[in-house]
Amino acid sequence: MYTAGYNDRRSAGKGDLDQKAENPVAVMPNLPKEDNFVNPSQNQPTEVSTSDSSEYNPHSLVTNAQMYIIADKYEIEALKKLASAKYEEVVRMCWNTFEFSESARLIHENTMESDRTIKDIIEQAASDNINALLDRGEFTALLNGNGELATRILKFVAARKKSANVSEDDPFNW
């Protein structure tokens, strides 16, 4: 049914390859927002993870998460696949941002537990960067409020530790 693209506004000034929709966020439902996820640095630029990330807009993580939620609600599998692919591209560069935590919260609160496509991307990105993310207050608040997400990320970390043959005696050697 769905064969078009959408502009997730990921690139600052460069535009997205899929610019069929002028403003996809305008049609988004008002998804719940919790008080403990208010960005404390609203007037400051969001920190990003690498120097090459200047071409990526971290807000596109939230846009892609919202598109995924809408696609899930209306059972549009092609749009879910597109939204998760776009999310995965951006999260590689923008995992160390408030928007990563916010998008993870949106996905985990608004999709079924059995829907693993984008959740696996989120959990893998979080486990790959767990040491830096644990220094972010909004990320630790997300984990404190969502034990299931915290457990799944811990399982990713433990699996990587086991496959790397890291000493089991050092519980903090992640």
C-alpha atoms as a PDB file:
ATOM      1  CA  MET A   1       0.000   0.000   0.000  1.00  0.00           C
ATOM      2  CA  TYR A   2       2.677   2.551   0.977  1.00  0.00           C
ATOM      3  CA  THR A   3       5.386   3.124  -1.631  1.00  0.00           C
ATOM      4  CA  ALA A   4       6.494   6.733  -1.066  1.00  0.00           C
ATOM      5  CA  GLY A   5       9.103   8.168   1.243  1.00  0.00           C
ATOM      6  CA  TYR A   6       9.099  10.998   3.744  1.00  0.00           C
ATOM      7  CA  ASN A   7      11.485  13.702   4.800  1.00  0.00           C
ATOM      8  CA  ASP A   8      12.747  13.020   8.307  1.00  0.00           C
ATOM      9  CA  ARG A   9      14.688  16.295   8.241  1.00  0.00           C
ATOM     10  CA  ARG A  10      17.878  14.460   9.140  1.00  0.00           C
ATOM     11  CA  SER A  11      20.209  16.715   7.188  1.00  0.00           C
ATOM     12  CA  ALA A  12      20.820  20.312   8.120  1.00  0.00           C
ATOM     13  CA  GLY A  13      20.420  22.221   4.862  1.00  0.00           C
ATOM     14  CA  LYS A  14      21.030  19.222   2.605  1.00  0.00           C
ATOM     15  CA  GLY A  15      17.540  17.709   2.589  1.00  0.00           C
ATOM     16  CA  ASP A  16      16.609  14.060   2.620  1.00  0.00           C
ATOM     17  CA  LEU A  17      16.512  11.816  -0.411  1.00  0.00           C
ATOM     18  CA  ASP A  18      12.845  11.060   0.220  1.00  0.00           C
ATOM     19  CA  GLN A  19      11.179  14.481   0.210  1.00  0.00           C
ATOM     20  CA  LYS A  20       7.676  13.444  -0.828  1.00  0.00           C
ATOM     21  CA  ALA A  21       6.051  14.706   2.390  1.00  0.00           C
ATOM     22  CA  GLU A  22       6.476  18.367   3.281  1.00  0.00           C
ATOM     23  CA  ASN A  23       6.009  18.039   7.028  1.00  0.00           C
ATOM     24  CA  PRO A  24       5.342  14.526   8.377  1.00  0.00           C
ATOM     25  CA  VAL A  25       5.417  15.730  11.971  1.00  0.00           C
ATOM     26  CA  ALA A  26       2.343  17.915  11.361  1.00  0.00           C
ATOM     27  CA  VAL A  27       0.197  14.790  11.003  1.00  0.00           C
ATOM     28  CA  MET A  28       1.621  13.049  14.057  1.00  0.00           C
ATOM     29  CA  PRO A  29      -0.730  12.285  16.901  1.00  0.00           C
ATOM     30  CA  ASN A  30      -0.069  14.002  20.187  1.00  0.00           C
ATOM     31  CA  LEU A  31       1.897  11.204  21.779  1.00  0.00           C
ATOM     32  CA  PRO A  32       2.166  11.292  25.572  1.00  0.00           C
ATOM     33  CA  LYS A  33       5.150  13.101  26.984  1.00  0.00           C
ATOM     34  CA  GLU A  34       6.283  12.574  30.540  1.00  0.00           C
ATOM     35  CA  ASP A  35       7.562  15.388  32.734  1.00  0.00           C
ATOM     36  CA  ASN A  36      10.800  13.572  33.554  1.00  0.00           C
ATOM     37  CA  PHE A  37      11.803  13.762  29.877  1.00  0.00           C
ATOM     38  CA  VAL A  38      11.813  17.539  29.617  1.00  0.00           C
ATOM     39  CA  ASN A  39      15.054  18.449  27.880  1.00  0.00           C
ATOM     40  CA  PRO A  40      17.058  20.420  30.451  1.00  0.00           C
ATOM     41  CA  SER A  41      19.052  22.065  27.675  1.00  0.00           C
ATOM     42  CA  GLN A  42      16.174  23.356  25.541  1.00  0.00           C
ATOM     43  CA  ASN A  43      18.130  26.479  24.622  1.00  0.00           C
ATOM     44  CA  GLN A  44      21.390  24.676  23.996  1.00  0.00           C
ATOM     45  CA  PRO A  45      22.327  22.575  20.957  1.00  0.00           C
ATOM     46  CA  THR A  46      22.030  18.842  21.447  1.00  0.00           C
ATOM     47  CA  GLU A  47      25.323  17.042  21.931  1.00  0.00           C
ATOM     48  CA  VAL A  48      26.106  14.491  19.221  1.00  0.00           C
ATOM     49  CA  SER A  49      28.444  11.542  19.268  1.00  0.00           C
ATOM     50  CA  THR A  50      30.980  12.274  16.507  1.00  0.00           C
ATOM     51  CA  SER A  51      32.399  15.116  14.491  1.00  0.00           C
ATOM     52  CA  ASP A  52      30.797  13.772  11.280  1.00  0.00           C
ATOM     53  CA  SER A  53      27.345  14.095  12.818  1.00  0.00           C
ATOM     54  CA  SER A  54      27.013  17.767  11.866  1.00  0.00           C
ATOM     55  CA  GLU A  55      25.049  16.675   8.817  1.00  0.00           C
ATOM     56  CA  TYR A  56      22.549  14.779  10.974  1.00  0.00           C
ATOM     57  CA  ASN A  57      19.694  16.302  12.909  1.00  0.00           C
ATOM     58  CA  PRO A  58      19.042  14.302  16.100  1.00  0.00           C
ATOM     59  CA  HIS A  59      15.371  15.350  15.985  1.00  0.00           C
ATOM     60  CA  SER A  60      14.962  12.966  13.064  1.00  0.00           C
ATOM     61  CA  LEU A  61      15.234  10.109  15.597  1.00  0.00           C
ATOM     62  CA  VAL A  62      11.958  11.287  17.146  1.00  0.00           C
ATOM     63  CA  THR A  63      10.387  11.874  13.706  1.00  0.00           C
ATOM     64  CA  ASN A  64      11.299   8.358  12.566  1.00  0.00           C
ATOM     65  CA  ALA A  65      10.052   6.863  15.835  1.00  0.00           C
ATOM     66  CA  GLN A  66       6.725   8.681  15.420  1.00  0.00           C
ATOM     67  CA  MET A  67       6.420   7.517  11.807  1.00  0.00           C
ATOM     68  CA  TYR A  68       7.084   3.960  12.972  1.00  0.00           C
ATOM     69  CA  ILE A  69       4.369   4.248  15.623  1.00  0.00           C
ATOM     70  CA  ILE A  70       1.861   5.565  13.084  1.00  0.00           C
ATOM     71  CA  ALA A  71       2.782   2.821  10.612  1.00  0.00           C
ATOM     72  CA  ASP A  72       2.320   0.240  13.347  1.00  0.00           C
ATOM     73  CA  LYS A  73      -1.066   1.671  14.322  1.00  0.00           C
ATOM     74  CA  TYR A  74      -2.352   1.553  10.746  1.00  0.00           C
ATOM     75  CA  GLU A  75      -0.522  -1.708   9.907  1.00  0.00           C
ATOM     76  CA  ILE A  76       1.558  -0.247   7.074  1.00  0.00           C
ATOM     77  CA  GLU A  77       4.501  -2.650   7.037  1.00  0.00           C
ATOM     78  CA  ALA A  78       6.417  -0.877   4.241  1.00  0.00           C
ATOM     79  CA  LEU A  79       6.358   2.390   6.190  1.00  0.00           C
ATOM     80  CA  LYS A  80       7.480   0.598   9.369  1.00  0.00           C
ATOM     81  CA  LYS A  81      10.402  -0.875   7.445  1.00  0.00           C
ATOM     82  CA  LEU A  82      11.324   2.522   5.969  1.00  0.00           C
ATOM     83  CA  ALA A  83      11.052   4.308   9.331  1.00  0.00           C
ATOM     84  CA  SER A  84      13.226   1.703  11.068  1.00  0.00           C
ATOM     85  CA  ALA A  85      15.856   1.867   8.289  1.00  0.00           C
ATOM     86  CA  LYS A  86      15.983   5.675   8.515  1.00  0.00           C
ATOM     87  CA  TYR A  87      16.160   5.469  12.309  1.00  0.00           C
ATOM     88  CA  GLU A  88      19.042   3.002  12.138  1.00  0.00           C
ATOM     89  CA  GLU A  89      21.026   5.299   9.818  1.00  0.00           C
ATOM     90  CA  VAL A  90      20.638   8.326  12.077  1.00  0.00           C
ATOM     91  CA  VAL A  91      21.133   6.544  15.411  1.00  0.00           C
ATOM     92  CA  ARG A  92      24.670   5.597  14.379  1.00  0.00           C
ATOM     93  CA  MET A  93      25.614   9.264  14.611  1.00  0.00           C
ATOM     94  CA  CYS A  94      23.111  10.650  17.124  1.00  0.00           C
ATOM     95  CA  TRP A  95      22.950   8.065  19.898  1.00  0.00           C
ATOM     96  CA  ASN A  96      24.482  10.451  22.448  1.00  0.00           C
ATOM     97  CA  THR A  97      21.554  12.889  22.435  1.00  0.00           C
ATOM     98  CA  PHE A  98      18.412  13.641  24.387  1.00  0.00           C
ATOM     99  CA  GLU A  99      16.421  12.695  21.272  1.00  0.00           C
ATOM    100  CA  PHE A 100      17.760   9.136  21.397  1.00  0.00           C
ATOM    101  CA  SER A 101      16.330   8.659  24.876  1.00  0.00           C
ATOM    102  CA  GLU A 102      13.063  10.351  23.899  1.00  0.00           C
ATOM    103  CA  SER A 103      12.657   8.212  20.773  1.00  0.00           C
ATOM    104  CA  ALA A 104      13.390   5.055  22.782  1.00  0.00           C
ATOM    105  CA  ARG A 105      10.710   6.062  25.296  1.00  0.00           C
ATOM    106  CA  LEU A 106       8.169   6.697  22.538  1.00  0.00           C
ATOM    107  CA  ILE A 107       8.828   3.352  20.885  1.00  0.00           C
ATOM    108  CA  HIS A 108       8.717   1.344  24.096  1.00  0.00           C
ATOM    109  CA  GLU A 109       5.532   3.020  25.316  1.00  0.00           C
ATOM    110  CA  ASN A 110       3.629   2.962  22.020  1.00  0.00           C
ATOM    111  CA  THR A 111       4.413  -0.387  20.392  1.00  0.00           C
ATOM    112  CA  MET A 112       3.712  -3.968  21.357  1.00  0.00           C
ATOM    113  CA  GLU A 113       6.491  -5.874  23.138  1.00  0.00           C
ATOM    114  CA  SER A 114       6.478  -8.457  20.344  1.00  0.00           C
ATOM    115  CA  ASP A 115       7.312  -5.751  17.762  1.00  0.00           C
ATOM    116  CA  ARG A 116      11.105  -6.014  17.916  1.00  0.00           C
ATOM    117  CA  THR A 117      12.250  -4.336  14.676  1.00  0.00           C
ATOM    118  CA  ILE A 118      13.089  -0.857  15.930  1.00  0.00           C
ATOM    119  CA  LYS A 119      13.417  -1.919  19.568  1.00  0.00           C
ATOM    120  CA  ASP A 120      16.339  -4.167  18.643  1.00  0.00           C
ATOM    121  CA  ILE A 121      18.020  -1.211  16.914  1.00  0.00           C
ATOM    122  CA  ILE A 122      17.537   0.954  20.015  1.00  0.00           C
ATOM    123  CA  GLU A 123      18.752  -1.727  22.409  1.00  0.00           C
ATOM    124  CA  GLN A 124      21.806  -2.526  20.274  1.00  0.00           C
ATOM    125  CA  ALA A 125      22.771   1.158  20.014  1.00  0.00           C
ATOM    126  CA  ALA A 126      22.312   1.579  23.763  1.00  0.00           C
ATOM    127  CA  SER A 127      24.369  -1.490  24.630  1.00  0.00           C
ATOM    128  CA  ASP A 128      27.140  -0.495  22.205  1.00  0.00           C
ATOM    129  CA  ASN A 129      27.414   2.884  23.925  1.00  0.00           C
ATOM    130  CA  ILE A 130      26.300   2.028  27.443  1.00  0.00           C
ATOM    131  CA  ASN A 131      29.188   3.665  29.312  1.00  0.00           C
ATOM    132  CA  ALA A 132      28.575   7.100  27.777  1.00  0.00           C
ATOM    133  CA  LEU A 133      24.794   6.789  27.978  1.00  0.00           C
ATOM    134  CA  LEU A 134      24.857   5.991  31.681  1.00  0.00           C
ATOM    135  CA  ASP A 135      26.290   9.481  32.211  1.00  0.00           C
ATOM    136  CA  ARG A 136      23.173  11.023  30.644  1.00  0.00           C
ATOM    137  CA  GLY A 137      20.436  11.825  33.167  1.00  0.00           C
ATOM    138  CA  GLU A 138      17.516  11.365  30.758  1.00  0.00           C
ATOM    139  CA  PHE A 139      18.834   7.961  29.682  1.00  0.00           C
ATOM    140  CA  THR A 140      19.194   6.703  33.252  1.00  0.00           C
ATOM    141  CA  ALA A 141      15.690   8.058  33.982  1.00  0.00           C
ATOM    142  CA  LEU A 142      14.443   6.053  30.997  1.00  0.00           C
ATOM    143  CA  LEU A 143      16.068   2.884  32.322  1.00  0.00           C
ATOM    144  CA  ASN A 144      14.803   3.531  35.867  1.00  0.00           C
ATOM    145  CA  GLY A 145      11.261   3.878  34.549  1.00  0.00           C
ATOM    146  CA  ASN A 146      11.399   0.950  32.143  1.00  0.00           C
ATOM    147  CA  GLY A 147      12.820  -2.182  33.706  1.00  0.00           C
ATOM    148  CA  GLU A 148      12.069  -4.271  30.632  1.00  0.00           C
ATOM    149  CA  LEU A 149      14.208  -2.005  28.440  1.00  0.00           C
ATOM    150  CA  ALA A 150      16.993  -1.976  31.029  1.00  0.00           C
ATOM    151  CA  THR A 151      16.953  -5.785  31.192  1.00  0.00           C
ATOM    152  CA  ARG A 152      17.090  -6.179  27.410  1.00  0.00           C
ATOM    153  CA  ILE A 153      20.026  -3.747  27.138  1.00  0.00           C
ATOM    154  CA  LEU A 154      21.806  -5.600  29.949  1.00  0.00           C
ATOM    155  CA  LYS A 155      21.305  -8.861  28.014  1.00  0.00           C
ATOM    156  CA  PHE A 156      22.935  -7.290  24.927  1.00  0.00           C
ATOM    157  CA  VAL A 157      25.874  -6.134  27.063  1.00  0.00           C
ATOM    158  CA  ALA A 158      26.225  -9.542  28.734  1.00  0.00           C
ATOM    159  CA  ALA A 159      26.125 -11.358  25.385  1.00  0.00           C
ATOM    160  CA  ARG A 160      28.878  -9.127  23.994  1.00  0.00           C
ATOM    161  CA  LYS A 161      30.930  -9.641  27.151  1.00  0.00           C
ATOM    162  CA  LYS A 162      30.535 -13.398  26.875  1.00  0.00           C
ATOM    163  CA  SER A 163      31.459 -13.466  23.188  1.00  0.00           C
ATOM    164  CA  ALA A 164      34.542 -11.319  23.855  1.00  0.00           C
ATOM    165  CA  ASN A 165      35.653 -13.753  26.598  1.00  0.00           C
ATOM    166  CA  VAL A 166      35.961 -10.939  29.107  1.00  0.00           C
ATOM    167  CA  SER A 167      36.793 -12.056  32.616  1.00  0.00           C
ATOM    168  CA  GLU A 168      33.640 -12.902  34.548  1.00  0.00           C
ATOM    169  CA  ASP A 169      35.381 -11.743  37.760  1.00  0.00           C
ATOM    170  CA  ASP A 170      35.173  -8.061  36.771  1.00  0.00           C
ATOM    171  CA  PRO A 171      31.500  -7.031  36.714  1.00  0.00           C
ATOM    172  CA  PHE A 172      32.340  -3.509  35.506  1.00  0.00           C
ATOM    173  CA  ASN A 173      34.458  -4.489  32.522  1.00  0.00           C
ATOM    174  CA  TRP A 174      31.844  -3.790  29.845  1.00  0.00           C
END
